[in-house]
Amino acid sequence: QVQLVESGGGLVQPGGSLRLSCVVSTSIFSRYPMGWYRQAPGKERELVAHMTLVGTTNYVDSVKGRFTISRDNAKKTVYLQMNSLKPEDTAVYYCNRPFSPFNPWGQGTQVTVSS
């Protein structure tokens, strides 16, 4: 069973930055594409960024130019650098495999953007 542990969230003012981390407990981490999802209150969970095995990155339009996904296979960790944060970015953020997520999900990390 793959375990996902997200961290790095917090309260930040609009325009601020955060870097999320997710450690993935599997010996074959490098074989999996990975992504970041978020779920805002009252909304569906959405995939906001993902990275293919060859390093191609994809972003939902609302975060393009502001968020950057990256990974460190040696550390079995995927990152999400979030800049120019907006109040509408407020959500619980989760990492998981894009389109065919592992179960169970991690606990997520709360990001709150507010002045």
Protein backbone atom coordinates (compact mmCIF):
# COMPACT_ATOMS: atom_id res chain seq x y z
CA GLN A 1 0.00 0.00 0.00
CA VAL A 2 1.37 3.38 -1.01
CA GLN A 3 1.34 6.05 1.69
CA LEU A 4 1.21 9.74 0.87
CA VAL A 5 2.22 12.37 3.41
CA GLU A 6 1.73 16.01 2.47
CA SER A 7 3.16 18.99 4.33
CA GLY A 8 4.01 22.65 3.92
CA GLY A 9 0.62 24.29 4.00
CA GLY A 10 -0.32 27.25 6.13
CA LEU A 11 -1.82 30.71 6.26
CA VAL A 12 -0.38 33.18 3.78
CA GLN A 13 -1.35 36.64 2.58
CA PRO A 14 -2.46 37.22 -1.00
CA GLY A 15 0.60 37.48 -3.22
CA GLY A 16 2.62 35.25 -0.95
CA SER A 17 4.29 31.90 -1.62
CA LEU A 18 4.31 28.41 -0.18
CA ARG A 19 6.12 25.22 -1.07
CA LEU A 20 4.28 21.99 -0.52
CA SER A 21 6.01 18.64 -0.16
CA CYS A 22 4.72 15.10 -0.42
CA VAL A 23 6.67 12.02 0.57
CA VAL A 24 5.51 8.87 -1.17
CA SER A 25 6.31 5.55 0.49
CA THR A 26 6.97 3.18 -2.37
CA SER A 27 10.15 1.62 -3.66
CA ILE A 28 9.12 2.33 -7.25
CA PHE A 29 8.30 6.03 -6.90
CA SER A 30 10.26 6.87 -10.04
CA ARG A 31 7.88 4.77 -12.13
CA TYR A 32 4.83 6.83 -11.27
CA PRO A 33 3.70 10.09 -12.73
CA MET A 34 2.58 12.33 -9.89
CA GLY A 35 0.30 15.28 -9.40
CA TRP A 36 -1.23 17.72 -6.98
CA TYR A 37 -4.94 17.99 -6.38
CA ARG A 38 -6.90 20.45 -4.29
CA GLN A 39 -10.34 20.55 -2.77
CA ALA A 40 -11.93 23.79 -1.69
CA PRO A 41 -14.92 23.83 0.67
CA GLY A 42 -18.08 22.77 -1.13
CA LYS A 43 -16.23 21.94 -4.33
CA GLU A 44 -15.04 18.82 -6.11
CA ARG A 45 -11.44 17.76 -5.84
CA GLU A 46 -9.51 18.93 -8.89
CA LEU A 47 -6.16 18.03 -10.38
CA VAL A 48 -4.19 21.29 -10.59
CA ALA A 49 -0.75 20.11 -11.66
CA HIS A 50 0.89 16.91 -12.78
CA MET A 51 4.17 15.68 -14.13
CA THR A 52 4.72 12.79 -16.54
CA LEU A 53 7.54 10.29 -16.27
CA VAL A 54 9.54 12.18 -18.88
CA GLY A 55 9.16 15.42 -16.97
CA THR A 56 6.40 17.10 -18.94
CA THR A 57 4.32 19.30 -16.68
CA ASN A 58 0.68 20.24 -17.01
CA TYR A 59 -1.34 22.80 -15.10
CA VAL A 60 -4.93 23.83 -14.85
CA ASP A 61 -5.42 27.29 -16.35
CA SER A 62 -6.12 28.92 -13.00
CA VAL A 63 -2.59 28.18 -11.70
CA LYS A 64 -0.51 28.40 -14.88
CA GLY A 65 2.44 30.72 -14.46
CA ARG A 66 2.11 30.70 -10.67
CA PHE A 67 2.54 27.06 -9.60
CA THR A 68 5.44 24.74 -10.40
CA ILE A 69 5.48 20.99 -9.82
CA SER A 70 8.74 19.13 -9.39
CA ARG A 71 10.01 15.88 -7.97
CA ASP A 72 13.08 14.32 -6.39
CA ASN A 73 13.12 10.60 -7.11
CA ALA A 74 15.97 9.96 -4.66
CA LYS A 75 13.89 11.45 -1.86
CA LYS A 76 10.61 9.98 -3.17
CA THR A 77 9.15 13.44 -2.86
CA VAL A 78 7.01 15.62 -5.08
CA TYR A 79 6.82 19.38 -4.60
CA LEU A 80 4.46 22.18 -5.50
CA GLN A 81 5.89 25.69 -5.47
CA MET A 82 3.03 28.16 -5.27
CA ASN A 83 3.66 31.83 -5.96
CA SER A 84 1.40 34.86 -6.25
CA LEU A 85 -1.21 33.09 -4.19
CA LYS A 86 -4.81 34.24 -4.37
CA PRO A 87 -7.71 33.77 -1.96
CA GLU A 88 -9.27 31.36 -4.46
CA ASP A 89 -6.29 29.06 -4.00
CA THR A 90 -7.54 28.30 -0.50
CA ALA A 91 -8.08 24.55 -0.28
CA VAL A 92 -6.74 21.29 1.09
CA TYR A 93 -3.96 20.13 -1.20
CA TYR A 94 -3.23 16.48 -1.86
CA CYS A 95 -0.60 14.69 -3.88
CA ASN A 96 -1.44 11.52 -5.76
CA ARG A 97 -1.02 9.79 -9.05
CA PRO A 98 -2.88 11.73 -11.77
CA PHE A 99 -6.06 10.23 -13.27
CA SER A 100 -5.69 6.88 -11.43
CA PRO A 101 -5.04 7.87 -7.84
CA PHE A 102 -3.81 5.57 -5.15
CA ASN A 103 -6.11 4.69 -2.27
CA PRO A 104 -6.17 5.72 0.46
CA TRP A 105 -5.38 9.37 -0.08
CA GLY A 106 -3.09 11.21 2.28
CA GLN A 107 -4.41 13.61 4.89
CA GLY A 108 -3.65 16.62 2.72
CA THR A 109 -2.26 19.97 3.78
CA GLN A 110 -4.40 23.05 4.30
CA VAL A 111 -3.53 26.20 2.37
CA THR A 112 -5.35 29.37 3.40
CA VAL A 113 -4.79 32.60 1.50
CA SER A 114 -6.20 35.53 3.40
CA SER A 115 -5.27 38.99 4.58
